[in-house]
Amino acid sequence: MIHAAVIGCGRMGAFTSDGVRQYAPRAWFPLAHAEAIVAAEGVSLEALVDPDPDRLSEAAKLYGAGRTYADHTAMLAEGAPDLVGIATRTLGRAAIIADCAAAGTRALHIEKPICNSMAELDDLEALFARDDVFATLGAVRRHFAIYGEAIRRASDGTIGNLFEARVDMGQGALLWTHPHSVDLLLLAAGERELVSVSARLGEVGRDGAVIRNDPVVLQATLEFDDGFVGQFARGFGTDFTLSGSLGSVAVLNDGHALWQSGGGEAGDNPYPEPQRQEFDAGDVPQGALAPILQLVACLNGNETARAANSALKRDILRGQKALFAMVQSHLEGGRAVSLNDIDPAMVIEGRTGQFYA
């Protein structure tokens, strides 16, 4: 039996919002860390951590966790779980990750983003380099079957040579929204090397190397070594579009539908009508359960899962670095910067009003 805990019992840790439950496609569920862990075979949710005693008590009753704590250090002092879900605010999250790993936890499902500073990211890079530490991210769309089907069609020649990926997520903030956008672009890029990042941001509240707010991203471009480009701006919706030399394939409305335009079947028609594609994911695990099960497989020694997680850890790290690079690009007038150009002293607090990402 794998012993698990969740640190942070808010909407991502324990209580999925009513709006998400009402409107999101079924691919999103189970979404809360605790809900996914309880649904995972061979895993026991034994501890919950949250500084709010009422929320902690409610979560413990809902999920049947026998141990509750106001602080993660007290929980770890009584024995590190095998697997931990970390669903706190970003400030302090990197330290929690490090504390869990130091105590002996080997599998971590971490809400996005993973840190606030380049210094923290350097430490996490060293931690993730360990082959006995496994990590997944709260940017979970990459685990949904419908996104996997879009990637398959873009990779097998259905839409010709893949040139571009685009994400629409509205007027989103850098740390709150766009870890999701960047993760989808990296999923589309696969093994390609990220060469440069350029971006223009909205208002940036800056104190030296410290960015106080969570700026809106007006436009961002990720360029890869073979010319493939990933982009997002402020387009309405929650859509993911892959464009190739013969057509395009798109996941629309956060996974509600798969559409294709062109492709081999279009023939010589220069104006192929987009067609909704029939797609049924069946009973495959999705939502946060899919990454949790990847962690479980890693802990159980599954080499295929471990190889997939190694690639995912790479994307988690370069995705976080790409977010910092967007700020660096903006501060330099929007020029394309490499991941090596980022100010090592950069900190992004990610504050919007009284709240932090």
Protein backbone atom coordinates (compact mmCIF):
# COMPACT_ATOMS: atom_id res chain seq x y z
CA MET A 1 0.00 0.00 0.00
CA ILE A 2 1.26 3.46 -0.94
CA HIS A 3 0.78 6.00 1.85
CA ALA A 4 -0.30 9.49 0.72
CA ALA A 5 -1.01 12.97 2.05
CA VAL A 6 -2.30 16.27 0.69
CA ILE A 7 -0.88 19.63 1.74
CA GLY A 8 -3.40 22.40 1.11
CA CYS A 9 -7.12 21.64 1.32
CA GLY A 10 -8.60 24.38 -0.85
CA ARG A 11 -10.35 23.91 -4.17
CA MET A 12 -7.41 22.15 -5.84
CA GLY A 13 -6.43 20.10 -2.83
CA ALA A 14 -9.82 18.90 -1.69
CA PHE A 15 -12.89 20.82 -2.87
CA THR A 16 -13.39 21.19 -6.62
CA SER A 17 -15.45 24.31 -7.32
CA ASP A 18 -19.14 23.99 -8.15
CA GLY A 19 -18.63 25.82 -11.44
CA VAL A 20 -16.01 23.36 -12.62
CA ARG A 21 -18.17 20.41 -11.59
CA GLN A 22 -21.13 21.85 -13.47
CA TYR A 23 -19.47 22.85 -16.72
CA ALA A 24 -16.14 21.07 -17.24
CA PRO A 25 -15.89 18.02 -19.54
CA ARG A 26 -15.72 14.67 -17.77
CA ALA A 27 -12.04 14.39 -18.72
CA TRP A 28 -11.32 16.79 -15.86
CA PHE A 29 -12.46 14.46 -13.08
CA PRO A 30 -11.43 13.61 -10.46
CA LEU A 31 -9.63 16.97 -10.22
CA ALA A 32 -8.88 17.69 -6.55
CA HIS A 33 -5.73 16.00 -5.26
CA ALA A 34 -7.48 14.23 -2.39
CA GLU A 35 -10.31 13.03 -4.63
CA ALA A 36 -7.85 11.60 -7.16
CA ILE A 37 -5.73 9.91 -4.49
CA VAL A 38 -8.79 8.26 -2.94
CA ALA A 39 -9.76 6.99 -6.42
CA ALA A 40 -6.31 5.46 -7.03
CA GLU A 41 -6.11 1.73 -6.40
CA GLY A 42 -3.38 0.75 -3.98
CA VAL A 43 -3.11 4.21 -2.41
CA SER A 44 -4.25 5.22 1.07
CA LEU A 45 -4.90 8.89 1.89
CA GLU A 46 -3.72 9.06 5.47
CA ALA A 47 -2.96 12.72 6.22
CA LEU A 48 -4.19 16.21 5.35
CA VAL A 49 -2.52 19.55 6.03
CA ASP A 50 -4.10 23.01 6.09
CA PRO A 51 -3.80 26.03 8.41
CA ASP A 52 -7.59 26.57 8.38
CA PRO A 53 -9.01 24.24 11.08
CA ASP A 54 -12.57 24.29 9.74
CA ARG A 55 -11.52 23.48 6.19
CA LEU A 56 -9.15 20.80 7.47
CA SER A 57 -11.89 19.17 9.53
CA GLU A 58 -14.33 19.24 6.61
CA ALA A 59 -11.78 17.67 4.27
CA ALA A 60 -10.89 14.97 6.79
CA LYS A 61 -14.55 14.01 7.15
CA LEU A 62 -15.08 13.98 3.39
CA TYR A 63 -12.07 11.81 2.58
CA GLY A 64 -11.65 9.79 5.77
CA ALA A 65 -8.10 10.90 6.51
CA GLY A 66 -7.10 9.91 10.02
CA ARG A 67 -4.30 12.43 10.59
CA THR A 68 -4.62 16.20 10.27
CA TYR A 69 -2.04 18.94 10.71
CA ALA A 70 -1.85 22.72 10.52
CA ASP A 71 1.72 22.57 9.20
CA HIS A 72 3.47 20.19 6.83
CA THR A 73 6.59 19.93 8.99
CA ALA A 74 4.57 18.38 11.80
CA MET A 75 3.13 15.84 9.38
CA LEU A 76 6.56 14.94 7.99
CA ALA A 77 8.01 14.61 11.50
CA GLU A 78 5.63 11.71 12.13
CA GLY A 79 6.73 9.88 8.99
CA ALA A 80 7.01 11.00 5.38
CA PRO A 81 4.29 9.67 3.05
CA ASP A 82 5.32 7.89 -0.14
CA LEU A 83 3.23 10.30 -2.22
CA VAL A 84 2.22 13.90 -1.48
CA GLY A 85 -0.12 16.26 -3.28
CA ILE A 86 0.95 19.90 -2.85
CA ALA A 87 -1.91 22.33 -3.44
CA THR A 88 -0.81 25.42 -1.53
CA ARG A 89 -0.31 28.93 -2.89
CA THR A 90 2.94 29.28 -4.81
CA LEU A 91 4.81 31.31 -2.19
CA GLY A 92 6.62 28.72 -0.08
CA ARG A 93 5.75 25.82 -2.39
CA ALA A 94 9.36 25.16 -3.41
CA ALA A 95 10.35 24.82 0.25
CA ILE A 96 7.51 22.36 0.84
CA ILE A 97 8.68 20.28 -2.12
CA ALA A 98 12.22 20.26 -0.74
CA ASP A 99 11.05 19.41 2.78
CA CYS A 100 8.99 16.46 1.55
CA ALA A 101 11.86 15.07 -0.51
CA ALA A 102 14.33 15.54 2.34
CA ALA A 103 12.01 13.63 4.67
CA GLY A 104 11.81 10.71 2.24
CA THR A 105 8.77 11.37 0.04
CA ARG A 106 9.54 10.18 -3.48
CA ALA A 107 6.39 11.09 -5.45
CA LEU A 108 4.94 14.61 -5.69
CA HIS A 109 1.87 15.92 -7.50
CA ILE A 110 2.44 19.68 -7.47
CA GLU A 111 0.09 22.51 -8.33
CA LYS A 112 1.38 25.06 -10.80
CA PRO A 113 3.59 27.00 -10.82
CA ILE A 114 6.26 25.16 -8.87
CA CYS A 115 8.17 28.20 -7.59
CA ASN A 116 8.51 31.98 -7.51
CA SER A 117 12.21 32.54 -8.17
CA MET A 118 15.09 31.47 -10.34
CA ALA A 119 17.03 30.52 -7.20
CA GLU A 120 14.23 28.15 -6.16
CA LEU A 121 14.12 26.74 -9.68
CA ASP A 122 17.84 25.97 -9.56
CA ASP A 123 17.28 23.94 -6.38
CA LEU A 124 14.33 22.12 -7.92
CA GLU A 125 16.37 21.27 -11.01
CA ALA A 126 18.88 19.50 -8.78
CA LEU A 127 16.09 17.68 -6.95
CA PHE A 128 14.29 16.61 -10.13
CA ALA A 129 17.56 15.27 -11.54
CA ARG A 130 17.35 12.46 -9.00
CA ASP A 131 16.04 9.27 -10.57
CA ASP A 132 14.34 8.27 -7.31
CA VAL A 133 12.16 11.41 -7.14
CA PHE A 134 9.05 11.57 -9.32
CA ALA A 135 6.91 14.64 -10.01
CA THR A 136 3.76 15.58 -11.88
CA LEU A 137 2.17 19.00 -12.34
CA GLY A 138 -1.30 20.44 -11.82
CA ALA A 139 -1.34 21.43 -15.50
CA VAL A 140 -3.17 18.19 -16.22
CA ARG A 141 -4.55 18.60 -19.75
CA ARG A 142 -1.58 16.69 -21.19
CA HIS A 143 -2.98 13.60 -19.44
CA PHE A 144 -6.45 13.83 -21.03
CA ALA A 145 -7.19 11.40 -23.83
CA ILE A 146 -8.64 14.01 -26.20
CA TYR A 147 -5.43 16.07 -26.09
CA GLY A 148 -3.46 12.89 -26.66
CA GLU A 149 -5.56 12.18 -29.73
CA ALA A 150 -4.86 15.67 -31.10
CA ILE A 151 -1.13 15.16 -30.58
CA ARG A 152 -1.33 11.75 -32.28
CA ARG A 153 -2.99 13.25 -35.36
CA ALA A 154 -0.44 16.06 -35.47
CA SER A 155 2.43 13.59 -35.18
CA ASP A 156 1.38 10.88 -37.63
CA GLY A 157 1.15 13.05 -40.74
CA THR A 158 -2.63 13.49 -40.69
CA ILE A 159 -2.24 17.28 -40.98
CA GLY A 160 1.11 17.18 -42.76
CA ASN A 161 4.25 18.64 -41.22
CA LEU A 162 3.51 20.26 -37.86
CA PHE A 163 4.44 23.95 -37.90
CA GLU A 164 2.65 25.61 -35.01
CA ALA A 165 0.65 25.17 -31.82
CA ARG A 166 -1.62 27.86 -30.42
CA VAL A 167 -3.39 28.12 -27.08
CA ASP A 168 -6.30 30.46 -26.32
CA MET A 169 -7.03 31.09 -22.64
CA GLY A 170 -8.35 34.63 -22.62
CA GLN A 171 -6.75 37.52 -20.77
CA GLY A 172 -4.77 35.30 -18.43
CA ALA A 173 -2.11 36.18 -15.90
CA LEU A 174 1.40 34.78 -16.15
CA LEU A 175 1.50 32.51 -13.09
CA TRP A 176 -2.22 31.97 -12.56
CA THR A 177 -3.20 30.93 -16.08
CA HIS A 178 -0.28 30.41 -18.39
CA PRO A 179 1.53 27.46 -16.82
CA HIS A 180 -1.35 25.62 -18.52
CA SER A 181 -0.65 27.28 -21.87
CA VAL A 182 3.08 26.65 -21.73
CA ASP A 183 2.59 23.02 -20.74
CA LEU A 184 0.38 22.37 -23.76
CA LEU A 185 2.91 24.01 -26.07
CA LEU A 186 5.68 21.85 -24.63
CA LEU A 187 3.48 18.78 -25.03
CA ALA A 188 3.09 19.63 -28.71
CA ALA A 189 6.82 20.29 -29.08
CA GLY A 190 7.78 16.89 -27.73
CA GLU A 191 11.54 16.33 -27.87
CA ARG A 192 12.26 19.58 -29.72
CA GLU A 193 14.69 21.96 -28.01
CA LEU A 194 13.27 25.28 -26.82
CA VAL A 195 15.50 27.92 -28.40
CA SER A 196 13.92 31.24 -27.46
CA VAL A 197 11.00 32.96 -25.76
CA SER A 198 9.53 36.37 -26.53
CA ALA A 199 6.62 38.12 -24.84
CA ARG A 200 4.78 41.33 -24.19
CA LEU A 201 3.07 41.75 -20.83
CA GLY A 202 0.57 44.14 -19.32
CA GLU A 203 1.42 46.28 -16.31
CA VAL A 204 4.46 44.99 -14.42
CA GLY A 205 4.90 46.06 -10.80
CA ARG A 206 8.64 45.87 -10.34
CA ASP A 207 11.09 46.46 -7.51
CA GLY A 208 14.51 45.69 -8.97
CA ALA A 209 14.64 41.98 -9.79
CA VAL A 210 11.37 41.36 -7.92
CA ILE A 211 8.10 41.40 -9.87
CA ARG A 212 5.37 42.09 -7.33
CA ASN A 213 2.26 41.36 -9.39
CA ASP A 214 1.06 38.62 -11.72
CA PRO A 215 1.08 40.42 -15.09
CA VAL A 216 -1.35 39.64 -17.88
CA VAL A 217 0.37 38.14 -20.91
CA LEU A 218 -0.53 40.10 -24.03
CA GLN A 219 1.38 37.80 -26.38
CA ALA A 220 4.02 35.09 -26.06
CA THR A 221 5.98 33.00 -28.55
CA LEU A 222 8.12 29.92 -27.93
CA GLU A 223 10.48 28.99 -30.77
CA PHE A 224 12.05 25.56 -31.12
CA ASP A 225 15.13 24.24 -32.87
CA ASP A 226 13.44 22.95 -36.03
CA GLY A 227 11.32 26.04 -36.62
CA PHE A 228 8.24 24.80 -34.77
CA VAL A 229 6.51 27.66 -32.94
CA GLY A 230 4.13 27.76 -29.99
CA GLN A 231 2.05 30.85 -29.31
CA PHE A 232 -0.64 32.29 -27.09
CA ALA A 233 -2.15 35.73 -26.62
CA ARG A 234 -5.54 36.85 -25.30
CA GLY A 235 -7.90 34.98 -27.59
CA PHE A 236 -11.26 34.05 -26.11
CA GLY A 237 -11.89 30.49 -25.04
CA THR A 238 -9.91 27.52 -23.84
CA ASP A 239 -8.77 26.06 -27.15
CA PHE A 240 -5.66 24.22 -28.32
CA THR A 241 -4.91 24.22 -32.05
CA LEU A 242 -2.19 22.33 -33.90
CA SER A 243 -1.48 23.54 -37.44
CA GLY A 244 0.41 21.71 -40.16
CA SER A 245 1.14 21.92 -43.85
CA LEU A 246 -2.08 20.11 -44.82
CA GLY A 247 -4.56 21.09 -42.12
CA SER A 248 -5.19 21.61 -38.44
CA VAL A 249 -6.63 19.77 -35.46
CA ALA A 250 -8.07 21.48 -32.41
CA VAL A 251 -9.32 20.61 -28.95
CA LEU A 252 -12.04 23.12 -28.17
CA ASN A 253 -13.60 24.38 -24.94
CA ASP A 254 -11.20 22.68 -22.55
CA GLY A 255 -11.78 19.23 -23.96
CA HIS A 256 -15.45 19.33 -24.96
CA ALA A 257 -14.77 18.61 -28.64
CA LEU A 258 -12.17 17.62 -31.23
CA TRP A 259 -12.24 19.33 -34.65
CA GLN A 260 -10.16 18.83 -37.76
CA SER A 261 -9.75 20.94 -40.87
CA GLY A 262 -8.04 19.66 -43.97
CA GLY A 263 -5.68 16.74 -43.77
CA GLY A 264 -5.22 14.05 -46.37
CA GLU A 265 -8.96 13.64 -46.98
CA ALA A 266 -9.32 17.27 -48.15
CA GLY A 267 -7.66 16.45 -51.46
CA ASP A 268 -7.21 19.53 -53.66
CA ASN A 269 -9.92 21.55 -51.90
CA PRO A 270 -8.24 24.78 -50.68
CA TYR A 271 -11.23 25.55 -48.43
CA PRO A 272 -11.88 22.39 -46.43
CA GLU A 273 -14.77 22.71 -44.01
CA PRO A 274 -13.82 21.99 -40.38
CA GLN A 275 -15.37 18.77 -39.17
CA ARG A 276 -16.16 17.72 -35.64
CA GLN A 277 -14.46 14.39 -34.97
CA GLU A 278 -16.10 11.52 -33.16
CA PHE A 279 -14.01 10.72 -30.10
CA ASP A 280 -14.74 8.61 -27.05
CA ALA A 281 -12.03 8.28 -24.41
CA GLY A 282 -13.72 5.27 -22.87
CA ASP A 283 -12.88 4.47 -19.27
CA VAL A 284 -9.23 5.52 -19.22
CA PRO A 285 -8.14 7.40 -16.07
CA GLN A 286 -8.17 11.16 -16.58
CA GLY A 287 -8.31 14.31 -14.47
CA ALA A 288 -5.75 14.38 -11.68
CA LEU A 289 -6.10 10.61 -11.36
CA ALA A 290 -3.96 10.08 -14.48
CA PRO A 291 -0.83 11.83 -13.11
CA ILE A 292 -1.40 10.27 -9.68
CA LEU A 293 -1.43 6.82 -11.30
CA GLN A 294 1.78 7.68 -13.16
CA LEU A 295 3.40 8.43 -9.81
CA VAL A 296 2.05 5.18 -8.37
CA ALA A 297 3.51 3.24 -11.29
CA CYS A 298 6.86 4.98 -10.80
CA LEU A 299 6.90 4.04 -7.12
CA ASN A 300 6.09 0.46 -8.09
CA GLY A 301 9.11 0.32 -10.41
CA ASN A 302 7.36 0.53 -13.78
CA GLU A 303 10.11 1.52 -16.23
CA THR A 304 7.72 2.88 -18.86
CA ALA A 305 6.14 5.18 -16.30
CA ARG A 306 9.55 6.25 -15.04
CA ALA A 307 10.69 7.16 -18.54
CA ALA A 308 7.50 9.17 -19.10
CA ASN A 309 7.99 10.91 -15.78
CA SER A 310 11.57 11.80 -16.62
CA ALA A 311 10.30 13.57 -19.75
CA LEU A 312 7.55 15.23 -17.74
CA LYS A 313 10.00 16.52 -15.12
CA ARG A 314 12.01 18.04 -17.96
CA ASP A 315 8.91 19.83 -19.24
CA ILE A 316 7.91 21.02 -15.76
CA LEU A 317 11.31 22.65 -15.33
CA ARG A 318 11.59 24.19 -18.79
CA GLY A 319 7.98 25.34 -18.60
CA GLN A 320 8.69 27.20 -15.37
CA LYS A 321 11.83 28.68 -16.89
CA ALA A 322 9.83 29.78 -19.95
CA LEU A 323 7.53 31.79 -17.67
CA PHE A 324 10.53 33.61 -16.21
CA ALA A 325 11.86 34.12 -19.74
CA MET A 326 8.63 35.88 -20.72
CA VAL A 327 9.27 38.48 -18.05
CA GLN A 328 12.89 38.82 -19.15
CA SER A 329 11.79 39.33 -22.74
CA HIS A 330 9.24 41.96 -21.77
CA LEU A 331 11.78 43.86 -19.70
CA GLU A 332 14.07 43.90 -22.75
CA GLY A 333 11.46 45.31 -25.08
CA GLY A 334 9.98 42.01 -26.24
CA ARG A 335 13.14 40.62 -27.85
CA ALA A 336 13.56 36.86 -28.13
CA VAL A 337 15.63 35.59 -25.20
CA SER A 338 17.13 32.18 -24.50
CA LEU A 339 16.58 30.38 -21.22
CA ASN A 340 20.17 31.27 -20.35
CA ASP A 341 19.41 35.01 -20.58
CA ILE A 342 17.14 35.13 -17.52
CA ASP A 343 18.27 37.26 -14.58
CA PRO A 344 19.28 34.68 -11.92
CA ALA A 345 17.98 37.05 -9.23
CA MET A 346 14.46 37.19 -10.71
CA VAL A 347 11.54 36.71 -8.32
CA ILE A 348 7.86 36.81 -9.35
CA GLU A 349 5.58 37.14 -6.33
CA GLY A 350 2.46 36.76 -8.46
CA ARG A 351 0.13 39.01 -6.50
CA THR A 352 -3.29 40.10 -7.77
CA GLY A 353 -5.01 42.33 -5.24
CA GLN A 354 -4.70 40.56 -1.90
CA PHE A 355 -4.27 37.14 -3.45
CA TYR A 356 -1.22 35.28 -4.74
CA ALA A 357 -1.02 32.72 -7.55
